[in-house]
C-alpha atoms as a PDB file:
ATOM      1  CA  MET A   1      42.768  19.865 -34.173  1.00  0.00           C
ATOM      2  CA  LYS A   2      42.526  19.476 -30.577  1.00  0.00           C
ATOM      3  CA  VAL A   3      39.480  20.698 -28.619  1.00  0.00           C
ATOM      4  CA  SER A   4      39.965  21.420 -25.007  1.00  0.00           C
ATOM      5  CA  GLU A   5      37.992  19.519 -22.392  1.00  0.00           C
ATOM      6  CA  GLU A   6      37.041  22.258 -20.235  1.00  0.00           C
ATOM      7  CA  LYS A   7      35.286  23.467 -23.668  1.00  0.00           C
ATOM      8  CA  ILE A   8      33.576  20.042 -24.282  1.00  0.00           C
ATOM      9  CA  LYS A   9      31.923  20.512 -20.703  1.00  0.00           C
ATOM     10  CA  LYS A  10      30.534  23.399 -21.221  1.00  0.00           C
ATOM     11  CA  ASP A  11      28.806  22.940 -24.723  1.00  0.00           C
ATOM     12  CA  PHE A  12      28.016  19.012 -22.714  1.00  0.00           C
ATOM     13  CA  LYS A  13      26.278  20.925 -20.160  1.00  0.00           C
ATOM     14  CA  SER A  14      24.688  23.910 -22.110  1.00  0.00           C
ATOM     15  CA  LEU A  15      23.176  21.235 -24.253  1.00  0.00           C
ATOM     16  CA  SER A  16      21.511  19.177 -20.920  1.00  0.00           C
ATOM     17  CA  GLN A  17      20.282  22.401 -19.975  1.00  0.00           C
ATOM     18  CA  ASN A  18      18.231  23.587 -22.943  1.00  0.00           C
ATOM     19  CA  SER A  19      17.076  19.753 -23.777  1.00  0.00           C
ATOM     20  CA  LYS A  20      16.470  19.034 -19.599  1.00  0.00           C
ATOM     21  CA  PRO A  21      12.299  20.080 -19.398  1.00  0.00           C
ATOM     22  CA  LYS A  22      10.936  22.630 -17.497  1.00  0.00           C
ATOM     23  CA  PRO A  23       9.116  21.557 -14.318  1.00  0.00           C
ATOM     24  CA  LYS A  24       5.159  22.804 -13.915  1.00  0.00           C
ATOM     25  CA  ILE A  25       5.569  24.062 -10.554  1.00  0.00           C
ATOM     26  CA  ILE A  26       2.588  25.428  -9.972  1.00  0.00           C
ATOM     27  CA  LYS A  27       0.344  22.775 -12.374  1.00  0.00           C
ATOM     28  CA  ASN A  28       2.415  20.140  -9.811  1.00  0.00           C
ATOM     29  CA  CYS A  29       1.289  22.625  -6.704  1.00  0.00           C
ATOM     30  CA  ILE A  30      -2.700  22.860  -7.785  1.00  0.00           C
ATOM     31  CA  CYS A  31      -2.550  18.656  -8.537  1.00  0.00           C
ATOM     32  CA  ALA A  32      -1.264  17.974  -5.046  1.00  0.00           C
ATOM     33  CA  PHE A  33      -3.348  20.630  -3.822  1.00  0.00           C
ATOM     34  CA  ILE A  34      -6.609  18.832  -5.300  1.00  0.00           C
ATOM     35  CA  ILE A  35      -5.742  15.407  -5.013  1.00  0.00           C
ATOM     36  CA  GLY A  36      -4.608  15.417  -1.781  1.00  0.00           C
ATOM     37  CA  GLY A  37      -8.308  17.386  -0.784  1.00  0.00           C
ATOM     38  CA  LEU A  38      -9.809  14.581  -2.800  1.00  0.00           C
ATOM     39  CA  ILE A  39      -8.412  11.758  -0.308  1.00  0.00           C
ATOM     40  CA  CYS A  40      -9.164  14.515   3.314  1.00  0.00           C
ATOM     41  CA  ASP A  41     -12.601  14.455   1.939  1.00  0.00           C
ATOM     42  CA  VAL A  42     -13.149  11.118   1.657  1.00  0.00           C
ATOM     43  CA  GLY A  43     -11.657  10.250   4.942  1.00  0.00           C
ATOM     44  CA  GLN A  44     -14.293  13.221   5.909  1.00  0.00           C
ATOM     45  CA  LEU A  45     -17.325  11.197   4.134  1.00  0.00           C
ATOM     46  CA  VAL A  46     -16.350   8.298   5.982  1.00  0.00           C
ATOM     47  CA  SER A  47     -15.636   9.813   9.838  1.00  0.00           C
ATOM     48  CA  ASP A  48     -19.633  11.866   9.015  1.00  0.00           C
ATOM     49  CA  PHE A  49     -20.862   8.093   8.163  1.00  0.00           C
ATOM     50  CA  PHE A  50     -19.174   6.222  11.137  1.00  0.00           C
ATOM     51  CA  SER A  51     -21.011   8.985  13.202  1.00  0.00           C
ATOM     52  CA  SER A  52     -24.164   9.125  11.771  1.00  0.00           C
ATOM     53  CA  VAL A  53     -24.616   5.145  12.415  1.00  0.00           C
ATOM     54  CA  GLY A  54     -23.438   5.574  15.886  1.00  0.00           C
ATOM     55  CA  VAL A  55     -19.741   4.706  17.032  1.00  0.00           C
ATOM     56  CA  PRO A  56     -18.415   6.858  19.828  1.00  0.00           C
ATOM     57  CA  GLN A  57     -16.699  10.117  18.855  1.00  0.00           C
ATOM     58  CA  ASP A  58     -13.766   8.606  20.459  1.00  0.00           C
ATOM     59  CA  ASP A  59     -13.563   6.280  18.039  1.00  0.00           C
ATOM     60  CA  LEU A  60     -13.971   7.834  14.823  1.00  0.00           C
ATOM     61  CA  GLY A  61     -10.755   8.540  14.265  1.00  0.00           C
ATOM     62  CA  THR A  62     -10.012   5.270  14.567  1.00  0.00           C
ATOM     63  CA  TYR A  63     -12.007   3.881  12.081  1.00  0.00           C
ATOM     64  CA  THR A  64     -11.675   6.510  10.236  1.00  0.00           C
ATOM     65  CA  ALA A  65      -7.880   5.435   9.989  1.00  0.00           C
ATOM     66  CA  ILE A  66      -9.129   1.805   9.169  1.00  0.00           C
ATOM     67  CA  VAL A  67     -11.156   2.176   6.423  1.00  0.00           C
ATOM     68  CA  MET A  68      -8.642   5.019   4.413  1.00  0.00           C
ATOM     69  CA  VAL A  69      -5.165   2.965   5.329  1.00  0.00           C
ATOM     70  CA  PHE A  70      -7.575   0.070   3.264  1.00  0.00           C
ATOM     71  CA  ILE A  71      -8.551   2.012   0.320  1.00  0.00           C
ATOM     72  CA  GLY A  72      -5.529   2.988   0.313  1.00  0.00           C
ATOM     73  CA  ALA A  73      -4.100  -0.489   0.357  1.00  0.00           C
ATOM     74  CA  PHE A  74      -6.497  -2.095  -2.117  1.00  0.00           C
ATOM     75  CA  LEU A  75      -6.125   1.219  -4.476  1.00  0.00           C
ATOM     76  CA  THR A  76      -2.642   0.390  -4.402  1.00  0.00           C
ATOM     77  CA  GLY A  77      -3.226  -3.456  -5.314  1.00  0.00           C
ATOM     78  CA  ILE A  78      -5.667  -3.203  -8.003  1.00  0.00           C
ATOM     79  CA  GLY A  79      -2.931  -0.725  -9.938  1.00  0.00           C
ATOM     80  CA  ILE A  80      -4.608   2.490  -9.298  1.00  0.00           C
ATOM     81  CA  TYR A  81      -3.414   4.254  -6.755  1.00  0.00           C
ATOM     82  CA  ASP A  82       0.293   4.804  -9.145  1.00  0.00           C
ATOM     83  CA  LYS A  83      -1.989   6.345 -11.840  1.00  0.00           C
ATOM     84  CA  ILE A  84      -3.717   8.973  -8.819  1.00  0.00           C
ATOM     85  CA  ALA A  85       0.019   9.434  -7.531  1.00  0.00           C
ATOM     86  CA  ASN A  86       0.851  10.529 -11.227  1.00  0.00           C
ATOM     87  CA  ILE A  87      -1.201  12.926 -11.256  1.00  0.00           C
ATOM     88  CA  GLY A  88      -1.318  14.218  -7.416  1.00  0.00           C
ATOM     89  CA  GLY A  89       2.063  14.195  -7.198  1.00  0.00           C
ATOM     90  CA  ALA A  90       2.574  14.870  -3.460  1.00  0.00           C
ATOM     91  CA  GLY A  91      -0.650  15.326  -2.603  1.00  0.00           C
ATOM     92  CA  THR A  92      -1.376  11.654  -2.243  1.00  0.00           C
ATOM     93  CA  VAL A  93       1.759  11.052   0.090  1.00  0.00           C
ATOM     94  CA  VAL A  94       0.152  13.566   2.888  1.00  0.00           C
ATOM     95  CA  PRO A  95      -2.595  11.325   3.978  1.00  0.00           C
ATOM     96  CA  ILE A  96      -2.651   8.418   5.068  1.00  0.00           C
ATOM     97  CA  THR A  97      -3.429   6.466   1.525  1.00  0.00           C
ATOM     98  CA  GLY A  98       0.210   6.887   1.234  1.00  0.00           C
ATOM     99  CA  PHE A  99       1.095   5.376   4.253  1.00  0.00           C
ATOM    100  CA  ALA A 100      -0.821   2.233   3.226  1.00  0.00           C
ATOM    101  CA  ASN A 101       0.846   3.002  -0.449  1.00  0.00           C
ATOM    102  CA  SER A 102       4.751   2.809   1.405  1.00  0.00           C
ATOM    103  CA  ILE A 103       3.487  -0.569   2.289  1.00  0.00           C
ATOM    104  CA  VAL A 104       1.965  -2.506   0.151  1.00  0.00           C
ATOM    105  CA  ALA A 105       4.100  -0.959  -3.014  1.00  0.00           C
ATOM    106  CA  PRO A 106       7.239  -2.965  -2.156  1.00  0.00           C
ATOM    107  CA  ALA A 107       5.096  -5.954  -0.983  1.00  0.00           C
ATOM    108  CA  ILE A 108       4.211  -6.548  -4.404  1.00  0.00           C
ATOM    109  CA  GLU A 109       7.013  -5.493  -6.438  1.00  0.00           C
ATOM    110  CA  PHE A 110       9.048  -8.401  -4.243  1.00  0.00           C
ATOM    111  CA  LYS A 111       6.268 -10.995  -3.582  1.00  0.00           C
ATOM    112  CA  LYS A 112       7.743 -12.999  -6.303  1.00  0.00           C
ATOM    113  CA  GLU A 113      11.299 -13.255  -4.285  1.00  0.00           C
ATOM    114  CA  GLY A 114       8.448 -15.821  -1.552  1.00  0.00           C
ATOM    115  CA  PHE A 115       6.857 -14.404   1.768  1.00  0.00           C
ATOM    116  CA  VAL A 116       9.407 -14.241   3.835  1.00  0.00           C
ATOM    117  CA  PHE A 117      12.329 -12.944   1.639  1.00  0.00           C
ATOM    118  CA  GLY A 118      10.320 -11.245  -0.354  1.00  0.00           C
ATOM    119  CA  VAL A 119       6.773  -9.273   0.947  1.00  0.00           C
ATOM    120  CA  GLY A 120       8.217 -10.356   4.491  1.00  0.00           C
ATOM    121  CA  ALA A 121      12.084  -8.379   4.236  1.00  0.00           C
ATOM    122  CA  LYS A 122      10.588  -5.966   1.942  1.00  0.00           C
ATOM    123  CA  MET A 123       7.080  -4.377   2.980  1.00  0.00           C
ATOM    124  CA  PHE A 124       8.805  -1.749   5.205  1.00  0.00           C
ATOM    125  CA  THR A 125      11.713  -0.501   2.866  1.00  0.00           C
ATOM    126  CA  ILE A 126      10.004   3.063   2.493  1.00  0.00           C
ATOM    127  CA  ALA A 127       7.804   2.889   5.494  1.00  0.00           C
ATOM    128  CA  GLY A 128       9.997   1.449   8.247  1.00  0.00           C
ATOM    129  CA  PRO A 129      12.118   4.593   8.663  1.00  0.00           C
ATOM    130  CA  VAL A 130       8.537   6.391   9.273  1.00  0.00           C
ATOM    131  CA  LEU A 131       7.504   4.210  11.638  1.00  0.00           C
ATOM    132  CA  VAL A 132      11.334   3.918  13.558  1.00  0.00           C
ATOM    133  CA  TYR A 133      11.414   8.271  13.739  1.00  0.00           C
ATOM    134  CA  GLY A 134       7.848   8.334  14.499  1.00  0.00           C
ATOM    135  CA  LEU A 135       7.723   5.581  17.198  1.00  0.00           C
ATOM    136  CA  SER A 136      10.819   7.084  18.812  1.00  0.00           C
ATOM    137  CA  SER A 137       9.749  10.930  18.995  1.00  0.00           C
ATOM    138  CA  SER A 138       6.324  10.036  20.245  1.00  0.00           C
ATOM    139  CA  VAL A 139       7.914   7.925  22.837  1.00  0.00           C
ATOM    140  CA  ILE A 140      10.169  10.873  23.805  1.00  0.00           C
ATOM    141  CA  VAL A 141       7.626  13.441  23.545  1.00  0.00           C
ATOM    142  CA  GLY A 142       5.416  11.064  26.034  1.00  0.00           C
ATOM    143  CA  ILE A 143       8.593  10.875  28.424  1.00  0.00           C
ATOM    144  CA  ILE A 144       8.252  14.807  28.389  1.00  0.00           C
ATOM    145  CA  TYR A 145       4.862  14.771  29.071  1.00  0.00           C
ATOM    146  CA  TYR A 146       4.947  12.849  31.709  1.00  0.00           C
ATOM    147  CA  PHE A 147       7.550  14.901  33.740  1.00  0.00           C
ATOM    148  CA  ILE A 148       5.611  17.875  32.894  1.00  0.00           C
ATOM    149  CA  MET A 149       2.527  17.114  33.798  1.00  0.00           C
ATOM    150  CA  ARG A 150       3.943  15.298  36.786  1.00  0.00           C
END
């Protein structure tokens, strides 16, 4: 007895749809909101600390960004950031710590290939496009701003 190929494909599709895990969208959104919010709270605490020790208002953002990038890179280096990302998902990508993670994680992964062809060449595989398009768009906006404000 010959079974048609179309029936096999249909049965396979039905079987795979039934066994596919259902996404927990609401839970994932709540976790991303909480974890992303906690990361931003830490950033606010860092900013408040620098403000309390007398850092000028113009420099607060710079100091806070430097500390948050360090925290993200450090937590990635010791393996904690990935555990946080498993819980928080997209909430860990949005803050600046996600940028640090996107640079440090590939560098750690490819360190066995050496510092030049491993760490140096691979550390911007994820963050590189973000930097290229971010810098390019900022240059374009700066040029437009220059001609408008002229």
